[in-house]
Amino acid sequence: MSTRDNTFLERVDPHLLRHAAEIGAEFLEGFRVVDKIGHPAVTIFGSARIDESDPEYALAMETGALFAEAGWAVVTGGGPGVMEAANRGAYERGGVSVGFNVELPHEQAPNPYVTLGYTFDHFYARKTMLVKAAEGYVLFPGGFGTLDELFESLTLIQTGKVQHFPVVLVGTEYWGGLLDWVRRRPLSEGMVSPEDFDLLHVTDEPERVVQEVLECYRRKCAQLPAEPVKADVQ
């Protein structure tokens, strides 16, 4: 099964203007959905390949529930596994549960615990909304997609594209080897700086996850103007 991205990402595009307009329209619709969230939000990532029998499912569900209790929306990629668990935790506590799904060659249906959702045709539009909606990232164990979001978020912070943006890794054993490698190679060889490495928080406790994100948000709010900026598109 092909997707629209298969066509759009070809070097030669015979329908350039039409495709550019479609991409722009999808970004606009994504911005509108983000605007509807109405709460501070956290984006939670992790493997789509786990089920309810996995301990990570229970941890993600508890994390989503704790954010909902704190009055926060929970945003995920809208699919199964960790995404479903986090959405479910927020949903069952009466919180705002957001799912930004994406068209995939192997169909990924939205999970049933999403109260506000949108299915994107394009990964890059979806990835933008996962950042735009969030005041921080929480990453459970996962594969290439989770790793992609991890390093993208760190790059955005490092380059100043987003500010006051906590990144919390859940699972000290799972992430330990990766972090050891970063210390041993990029950090020791000067390819990242110590303050870059300090952007990460690692824990096994859902309560600590929520605390890290909320504390950073409070520090950010203390530096913001009193009046919120109004959206200019209805």
C-alpha atoms as a PDB file:
ATOM      1  CA  MET A   1       0.000   0.000   0.000  1.00  0.00           C
ATOM      2  CA  SER A   2       1.329   3.435  -0.922  1.00  0.00           C
ATOM      3  CA  THR A   3       0.629   6.718   0.862  1.00  0.00           C
ATOM      4  CA  ARG A   4       0.562  10.320  -0.298  1.00  0.00           C
ATOM      5  CA  ASP A   5       4.003  10.843   1.179  1.00  0.00           C
ATOM      6  CA  ASN A   6       5.347   8.256  -1.282  1.00  0.00           C
ATOM      7  CA  THR A   7       4.385  10.585  -4.114  1.00  0.00           C
ATOM      8  CA  PHE A   8       5.158  13.904  -2.447  1.00  0.00           C
ATOM      9  CA  LEU A   9       8.670  12.864  -1.465  1.00  0.00           C
ATOM     10  CA  GLU A  10       9.714  11.882  -4.964  1.00  0.00           C
ATOM     11  CA  ARG A  11      12.294  14.304  -6.373  1.00  0.00           C
ATOM     12  CA  VAL A  12      10.183  15.003  -9.477  1.00  0.00           C
ATOM     13  CA  ASP A  13       6.584  16.027  -8.769  1.00  0.00           C
ATOM     14  CA  PRO A  14       4.332  16.631 -11.787  1.00  0.00           C
ATOM     15  CA  HIS A  15       1.630  18.155  -9.544  1.00  0.00           C
ATOM     16  CA  LEU A  16       3.800  20.480  -7.511  1.00  0.00           C
ATOM     17  CA  LEU A  17       1.357  23.346  -6.903  1.00  0.00           C
ATOM     18  CA  ARG A  18      -1.577  21.088  -6.045  1.00  0.00           C
ATOM     19  CA  HIS A  19       0.495  19.019  -3.654  1.00  0.00           C
ATOM     20  CA  ALA A  20       1.947  22.112  -1.976  1.00  0.00           C
ATOM     21  CA  ALA A  21      -1.577  23.450  -1.460  1.00  0.00           C
ATOM     22  CA  GLU A  22      -2.727  20.134   0.039  1.00  0.00           C
ATOM     23  CA  ILE A  23       0.188  20.096   2.462  1.00  0.00           C
ATOM     24  CA  GLY A  24      -0.525  23.681   3.489  1.00  0.00           C
ATOM     25  CA  ALA A  25      -4.194  22.886   4.044  1.00  0.00           C
ATOM     26  CA  GLU A  26      -3.271  19.942   6.254  1.00  0.00           C
ATOM     27  CA  PHE A  27      -0.999  22.118   8.369  1.00  0.00           C
ATOM     28  CA  LEU A  28      -3.798  24.638   8.782  1.00  0.00           C
ATOM     29  CA  GLU A  29      -6.262  21.957   9.857  1.00  0.00           C
ATOM     30  CA  GLY A  30      -3.702  20.615  12.327  1.00  0.00           C
ATOM     31  CA  PHE A  31      -3.220  24.086  13.794  1.00  0.00           C
ATOM     32  CA  ARG A  32      -6.976  24.378  14.234  1.00  0.00           C
ATOM     33  CA  VAL A  33      -7.161  21.067  16.078  1.00  0.00           C
ATOM     34  CA  VAL A  34      -4.302  22.105  18.374  1.00  0.00           C
ATOM     35  CA  ASP A  35      -6.161  25.341  19.085  1.00  0.00           C
ATOM     36  CA  LYS A  36      -9.173  23.319  20.251  1.00  0.00           C
ATOM     37  CA  ILE A  37      -7.245  21.503  22.995  1.00  0.00           C
ATOM     38  CA  GLY A  38      -7.772  24.345  25.446  1.00  0.00           C
ATOM     39  CA  HIS A  39      -5.394  23.006  28.119  1.00  0.00           C
ATOM     40  CA  PRO A  40      -1.670  22.757  28.642  1.00  0.00           C
ATOM     41  CA  ALA A  41      -0.668  19.438  27.104  1.00  0.00           C
ATOM     42  CA  VAL A  42       2.059  16.828  27.162  1.00  0.00           C
ATOM     43  CA  THR A  43       2.916  14.572  24.242  1.00  0.00           C
ATOM     44  CA  ILE A  44       3.619  10.946  25.127  1.00  0.00           C
ATOM     45  CA  PHE A  45       5.499   8.554  22.830  1.00  0.00           C
ATOM     46  CA  GLY A  46       6.364   4.865  22.966  1.00  0.00           C
ATOM     47  CA  SER A  47       6.042   1.559  21.217  1.00  0.00           C
ATOM     48  CA  ALA A  48       2.890   0.741  19.274  1.00  0.00           C
ATOM     49  CA  ARG A  49       3.730  -2.971  19.614  1.00  0.00           C
ATOM     50  CA  ILE A  50       2.874  -3.612  23.251  1.00  0.00           C
ATOM     51  CA  ASP A  51      -0.477  -4.654  24.710  1.00  0.00           C
ATOM     52  CA  GLU A  52      -2.217  -4.579  28.081  1.00  0.00           C
ATOM     53  CA  SER A  53      -0.080  -7.435  29.399  1.00  0.00           C
ATOM     54  CA  ASP A  54       3.096  -5.332  29.168  1.00  0.00           C
ATOM     55  CA  PRO A  55       4.187  -3.417  32.300  1.00  0.00           C
ATOM     56  CA  GLU A  56       4.852  -0.374  30.120  1.00  0.00           C
ATOM     57  CA  TYR A  57       1.148  -0.238  29.252  1.00  0.00           C
ATOM     58  CA  ALA A  58       0.204   0.127  32.899  1.00  0.00           C
ATOM     59  CA  LEU A  59       2.882   2.782  33.481  1.00  0.00           C
ATOM     60  CA  ALA A  60       1.764   4.804  30.454  1.00  0.00           C
ATOM     61  CA  MET A  61      -1.870   4.510  31.509  1.00  0.00           C
ATOM     62  CA  GLU A  62      -1.051   5.746  35.008  1.00  0.00           C
ATOM     63  CA  THR A  63       0.991   8.615  33.591  1.00  0.00           C
ATOM     64  CA  GLY A  64      -1.883   9.693  31.361  1.00  0.00           C
ATOM     65  CA  ALA A  65      -4.268   9.541  34.309  1.00  0.00           C
ATOM     66  CA  LEU A  66      -1.997  11.670  36.507  1.00  0.00           C
ATOM     67  CA  PHE A  67      -1.694  14.343  33.837  1.00  0.00           C
ATOM     68  CA  ALA A  68      -5.484  14.384  33.459  1.00  0.00           C
ATOM     69  CA  GLU A  69      -5.874  14.795  37.216  1.00  0.00           C
ATOM     70  CA  ALA A  70      -3.510  17.768  37.012  1.00  0.00           C
ATOM     71  CA  GLY A  71      -5.763  19.380  34.388  1.00  0.00           C
ATOM     72  CA  TRP A  72      -3.495  18.619  31.455  1.00  0.00           C
ATOM     73  CA  ALA A  73      -4.374  17.210  28.055  1.00  0.00           C
ATOM     74  CA  VAL A  74      -2.557  14.092  26.886  1.00  0.00           C
ATOM     75  CA  VAL A  75      -1.444  14.028  23.253  1.00  0.00           C
ATOM     76  CA  THR A  76      -0.226  10.909  21.450  1.00  0.00           C
ATOM     77  CA  GLY A  77       0.146   9.576  17.931  1.00  0.00           C
ATOM     78  CA  GLY A  78      -3.324   8.124  18.378  1.00  0.00           C
ATOM     79  CA  GLY A  79      -2.387   4.508  17.723  1.00  0.00           C
ATOM     80  CA  PRO A  80      -2.086   1.333  19.814  1.00  0.00           C
ATOM     81  CA  GLY A  81       0.402   0.314  22.507  1.00  0.00           C
ATOM     82  CA  VAL A  82       1.839   3.072  24.681  1.00  0.00           C
ATOM     83  CA  MET A  83      -0.216   5.628  22.766  1.00  0.00           C
ATOM     84  CA  GLU A  84      -3.443   3.823  23.570  1.00  0.00           C
ATOM     85  CA  ALA A  85      -2.448   3.384  27.202  1.00  0.00           C
ATOM     86  CA  ALA A  86      -1.675   7.079  27.728  1.00  0.00           C
ATOM     87  CA  ASN A  87      -4.879   8.149  25.959  1.00  0.00           C
ATOM     88  CA  ARG A  88      -6.834   5.606  27.973  1.00  0.00           C
ATOM     89  CA  GLY A  89      -5.475   6.855  31.287  1.00  0.00           C
ATOM     90  CA  ALA A  90      -6.493  10.419  30.450  1.00  0.00           C
ATOM     91  CA  TYR A  91      -9.851   9.355  29.004  1.00  0.00           C
ATOM     92  CA  GLU A  92     -10.864   7.256  31.987  1.00  0.00           C
ATOM     93  CA  ARG A  93     -10.042  10.141  34.360  1.00  0.00           C
ATOM     94  CA  GLY A  94     -12.236  12.493  32.356  1.00  0.00           C
ATOM     95  CA  GLY A  95      -9.339  14.383  30.785  1.00  0.00           C
ATOM     96  CA  VAL A  96      -8.724  15.697  27.284  1.00  0.00           C
ATOM     97  CA  SER A  97      -7.260  12.854  25.224  1.00  0.00           C
ATOM     98  CA  VAL A  98      -5.795  13.864  21.864  1.00  0.00           C
ATOM     99  CA  GLY A  99      -4.690  11.537  19.066  1.00  0.00           C
ATOM    100  CA  PHE A 100      -2.766  12.685  15.993  1.00  0.00           C
ATOM    101  CA  ASN A 101      -2.872   9.592  13.831  1.00  0.00           C
ATOM    102  CA  VAL A 102      -1.208   9.171  10.435  1.00  0.00           C
ATOM    103  CA  GLU A 103      -1.892   7.204   7.277  1.00  0.00           C
ATOM    104  CA  LEU A 104       0.499   4.250   7.116  1.00  0.00           C
ATOM    105  CA  PRO A 105       1.102   1.460   4.579  1.00  0.00           C
ATOM    106  CA  HIS A 106       0.039  -0.994   7.289  1.00  0.00           C
ATOM    107  CA  GLU A 107      -3.143   0.620   8.515  1.00  0.00           C
ATOM    108  CA  GLN A 108      -3.000   2.073  12.024  1.00  0.00           C
ATOM    109  CA  ALA A 109      -6.523   2.695  13.259  1.00  0.00           C
ATOM    110  CA  PRO A 110      -7.038   5.378  15.926  1.00  0.00           C
ATOM    111  CA  ASN A 111      -7.406   3.924  19.402  1.00  0.00           C
ATOM    112  CA  PRO A 112     -10.860   4.212  21.040  1.00  0.00           C
ATOM    113  CA  TYR A 113      -9.753   6.510  23.886  1.00  0.00           C
ATOM    114  CA  VAL A 114      -9.305   9.711  21.872  1.00  0.00           C
ATOM    115  CA  THR A 115     -11.688  12.599  22.540  1.00  0.00           C
ATOM    116  CA  LEU A 116     -10.083  14.962  20.022  1.00  0.00           C
ATOM    117  CA  GLY A 117      -8.282  13.597  17.015  1.00  0.00           C
ATOM    118  CA  TYR A 118      -7.104  14.030  13.458  1.00  0.00           C
ATOM    119  CA  THR A 119      -5.568  11.630  10.947  1.00  0.00           C
ATOM    120  CA  PHE A 120      -2.796  13.145   8.845  1.00  0.00           C
ATOM    121  CA  ASP A 121      -1.665  12.138   5.398  1.00  0.00           C
ATOM    122  CA  HIS A 122       1.849  13.458   5.988  1.00  0.00           C
ATOM    123  CA  PHE A 123       4.298  12.568   8.729  1.00  0.00           C
ATOM    124  CA  TYR A 124       5.892  16.018   8.775  1.00  0.00           C
ATOM    125  CA  ALA A 125       2.557  17.777   9.387  1.00  0.00           C
ATOM    126  CA  ARG A 126       1.759  15.346  12.162  1.00  0.00           C
ATOM    127  CA  LYS A 127       5.202  15.744  13.757  1.00  0.00           C
ATOM    128  CA  THR A 128       4.766  19.511  13.822  1.00  0.00           C
ATOM    129  CA  MET A 129       1.465  19.232  15.687  1.00  0.00           C
ATOM    130  CA  LEU A 130       2.928  16.812  18.236  1.00  0.00           C
ATOM    131  CA  VAL A 131       5.429  19.546  19.112  1.00  0.00           C
ATOM    132  CA  LYS A 132       3.097  22.528  18.740  1.00  0.00           C
ATOM    133  CA  ALA A 133       0.496  21.057  21.104  1.00  0.00           C
ATOM    134  CA  ALA A 134       2.944  20.157  23.853  1.00  0.00           C
ATOM    135  CA  GLU A 135       4.649  21.779  26.811  1.00  0.00           C
ATOM    136  CA  GLY A 136       6.948  18.771  27.058  1.00  0.00           C
ATOM    137  CA  TYR A 137       7.654  15.244  25.833  1.00  0.00           C
ATOM    138  CA  VAL A 138       7.465  11.954  27.686  1.00  0.00           C
ATOM    139  CA  LEU A 139       9.061   8.964  25.985  1.00  0.00           C
ATOM    140  CA  PHE A 140       8.453   5.379  26.986  1.00  0.00           C
ATOM    141  CA  PRO A 141      10.468   2.515  25.501  1.00  0.00           C
ATOM    142  CA  GLY A 142       9.945   2.327  21.762  1.00  0.00           C
ATOM    143  CA  GLY A 143      11.516   1.805  18.374  1.00  0.00           C
ATOM    144  CA  PHE A 144      12.705   3.999  15.520  1.00  0.00           C
ATOM    145  CA  GLY A 145       9.711   6.334  15.690  1.00  0.00           C
ATOM    146  CA  THR A 146      10.240   6.997  19.389  1.00  0.00           C
ATOM    147  CA  LEU A 147      13.970   7.511  18.892  1.00  0.00           C
ATOM    148  CA  ASP A 148      13.248   9.902  16.036  1.00  0.00           C
ATOM    149  CA  GLU A 149      11.007  12.004  18.267  1.00  0.00           C
ATOM    150  CA  LEU A 150      13.586  11.951  21.059  1.00  0.00           C
ATOM    151  CA  PHE A 151      16.441  13.308  18.989  1.00  0.00           C
ATOM    152  CA  GLU A 152      14.236  15.728  17.099  1.00  0.00           C
ATOM    153  CA  SER A 153      13.017  17.233  20.383  1.00  0.00           C
ATOM    154  CA  LEU A 154      16.572  17.564  21.693  1.00  0.00           C
ATOM    155  CA  THR A 155      17.640  19.246  18.459  1.00  0.00           C
ATOM    156  CA  LEU A 156      14.757  21.731  18.665  1.00  0.00           C
ATOM    157  CA  ILE A 157      15.711  22.590  22.246  1.00  0.00           C
ATOM    158  CA  GLN A 158      19.437  22.746  21.545  1.00  0.00           C
ATOM    159  CA  THR A 159      18.904  25.132  18.624  1.00  0.00           C
ATOM    160  CA  GLY A 160      16.427  27.320  20.498  1.00  0.00           C
ATOM    161  CA  LYS A 161      13.434  26.493  18.301  1.00  0.00           C
ATOM    162  CA  VAL A 162      11.485  25.549  21.433  1.00  0.00           C
ATOM    163  CA  GLN A 163      12.190  26.739  24.961  1.00  0.00           C
ATOM    164  CA  HIS A 164      11.395  25.538  28.482  1.00  0.00           C
ATOM    165  CA  PHE A 165      10.592  22.124  27.011  1.00  0.00           C
ATOM    166  CA  PRO A 166      11.266  19.136  29.287  1.00  0.00           C
ATOM    167  CA  VAL A 167      12.056  15.724  27.822  1.00  0.00           C
ATOM    168  CA  VAL A 168      11.430  12.854  30.231  1.00  0.00           C
ATOM    169  CA  LEU A 169      12.512   9.287  29.479  1.00  0.00           C
ATOM    170  CA  VAL A 170      10.605   6.564  31.310  1.00  0.00           C
ATOM    171  CA  GLY A 171      12.656   3.431  31.958  1.00  0.00           C
ATOM    172  CA  THR A 172      16.148   3.765  33.399  1.00  0.00           C
ATOM    173  CA  GLU A 173      17.124   0.256  32.303  1.00  0.00           C
ATOM    174  CA  TYR A 174      15.785   0.664  28.759  1.00  0.00           C
ATOM    175  CA  TRP A 175      17.405   4.039  28.103  1.00  0.00           C
ATOM    176  CA  GLY A 176      20.566   3.442  30.127  1.00  0.00           C
ATOM    177  CA  GLY A 177      22.654   1.967  27.304  1.00  0.00           C
ATOM    178  CA  LEU A 178      21.819   4.787  24.925  1.00  0.00           C
ATOM    179  CA  LEU A 179      22.651   7.436  27.499  1.00  0.00           C
ATOM    180  CA  ASP A 180      25.919   5.675  28.367  1.00  0.00           C
ATOM    181  CA  TRP A 181      26.873   5.795  24.676  1.00  0.00           C
ATOM    182  CA  VAL A 182      26.043   9.505  24.457  1.00  0.00           C
ATOM    183  CA  ARG A 183      28.287  10.152  27.457  1.00  0.00           C
ATOM    184  CA  ARG A 184      31.078   7.934  26.114  1.00  0.00           C
ATOM    185  CA  ARG A 185      31.168   9.205  22.537  1.00  0.00           C
ATOM    186  CA  PRO A 186      29.364  12.438  21.525  1.00  0.00           C
ATOM    187  CA  LEU A 187      29.728  14.072  24.950  1.00  0.00           C
ATOM    188  CA  SER A 188      33.340  13.036  25.619  1.00  0.00           C
ATOM    189  CA  GLU A 189      34.347  13.996  22.070  1.00  0.00           C
ATOM    190  CA  GLY A 190      32.772  17.445  22.322  1.00  0.00           C
ATOM    191  CA  MET A 191      29.999  16.833  19.784  1.00  0.00           C
ATOM    192  CA  VAL A 192      27.380  17.711  22.387  1.00  0.00           C
ATOM    193  CA  SER A 193      27.881  19.903  25.424  1.00  0.00           C
ATOM    194  CA  PRO A 194      27.154  19.018  29.067  1.00  0.00           C
ATOM    195  CA  GLU A 195      24.207  21.412  29.109  1.00  0.00           C
ATOM    196  CA  ASP A 196      22.752  19.586  26.081  1.00  0.00           C
ATOM    197  CA  PHE A 197      22.866  16.334  28.003  1.00  0.00           C
ATOM    198  CA  ASP A 198      21.156  18.012  30.951  1.00  0.00           C
ATOM    199  CA  LEU A 199      18.057  18.456  28.780  1.00  0.00           C
ATOM    200  CA  LEU A 200      17.084  14.866  29.604  1.00  0.00           C
ATOM    201  CA  HIS A 201      15.339  13.568  32.706  1.00  0.00           C
ATOM    202  CA  VAL A 202      15.160   9.826  33.346  1.00  0.00           C
ATOM    203  CA  THR A 203      12.827   8.085  35.779  1.00  0.00           C
ATOM    204  CA  ASP A 204      10.768   4.966  36.383  1.00  0.00           C
ATOM    205  CA  GLU A 205       8.005   6.723  38.338  1.00  0.00           C
ATOM    206  CA  PRO A 206       4.886   8.248  36.732  1.00  0.00           C
ATOM    207  CA  GLU A 207       4.604  10.745  39.593  1.00  0.00           C
ATOM    208  CA  ARG A 208       8.124  12.003  38.848  1.00  0.00           C
ATOM    209  CA  VAL A 209       7.281  12.306  35.156  1.00  0.00           C
ATOM    210  CA  VAL A 210       4.385  14.621  35.895  1.00  0.00           C
ATOM    211  CA  GLN A 211       6.381  16.604  38.440  1.00  0.00           C
ATOM    212  CA  GLU A 212       9.231  17.280  35.984  1.00  0.00           C
ATOM    213  CA  VAL A 213       6.865  18.534  33.268  1.00  0.00           C
ATOM    214  CA  LEU A 214       4.684  20.630  35.562  1.00  0.00           C
ATOM    215  CA  GLU A 215       7.643  22.271  37.314  1.00  0.00           C
ATOM    216  CA  CYS A 216       9.159  23.292  34.004  1.00  0.00           C
ATOM    217  CA  TYR A 217       5.806  24.663  32.863  1.00  0.00           C
ATOM    218  CA  ARG A 218       5.478  26.751  36.028  1.00  0.00           C
ATOM    219  CA  ARG A 219       8.942  28.227  35.489  1.00  0.00           C
ATOM    220  CA  LYS A 220       8.018  29.034  31.904  1.00  0.00           C
ATOM    221  CA  CYS A 221       4.732  30.675  32.898  1.00  0.00           C
ATOM    222  CA  ALA A 222       6.531  32.892  35.391  1.00  0.00           C
ATOM    223  CA  GLN A 223       8.385  34.441  32.447  1.00  0.00           C
ATOM    224  CA  LEU A 224       5.414  34.867  30.092  1.00  0.00           C
ATOM    225  CA  PRO A 225       3.382  38.070  29.541  1.00  0.00           C
ATOM    226  CA  ALA A 226       0.176  38.262  31.564  1.00  0.00           C
ATOM    227  CA  GLU A 227      -2.099  38.336  28.505  1.00  0.00           C
ATOM    228  CA  PRO A 228      -2.186  35.244  26.275  1.00  0.00           C
ATOM    229  CA  VAL A 229      -1.712  35.666  22.531  1.00  0.00           C
ATOM    230  CA  LYS A 230      -4.957  35.294  20.589  1.00  0.00           C
ATOM    231  CA  ALA A 231      -5.155  33.036  17.555  1.00  0.00           C
ATOM    232  CA  ASP A 232      -5.668  34.970  14.316  1.00  0.00           C
ATOM    233  CA  VAL A 233      -7.332  32.158  12.339  1.00  0.00           C
ATOM    234  CA  GLN A 234     -10.801  30.868  13.109  1.00  0.00           C
END
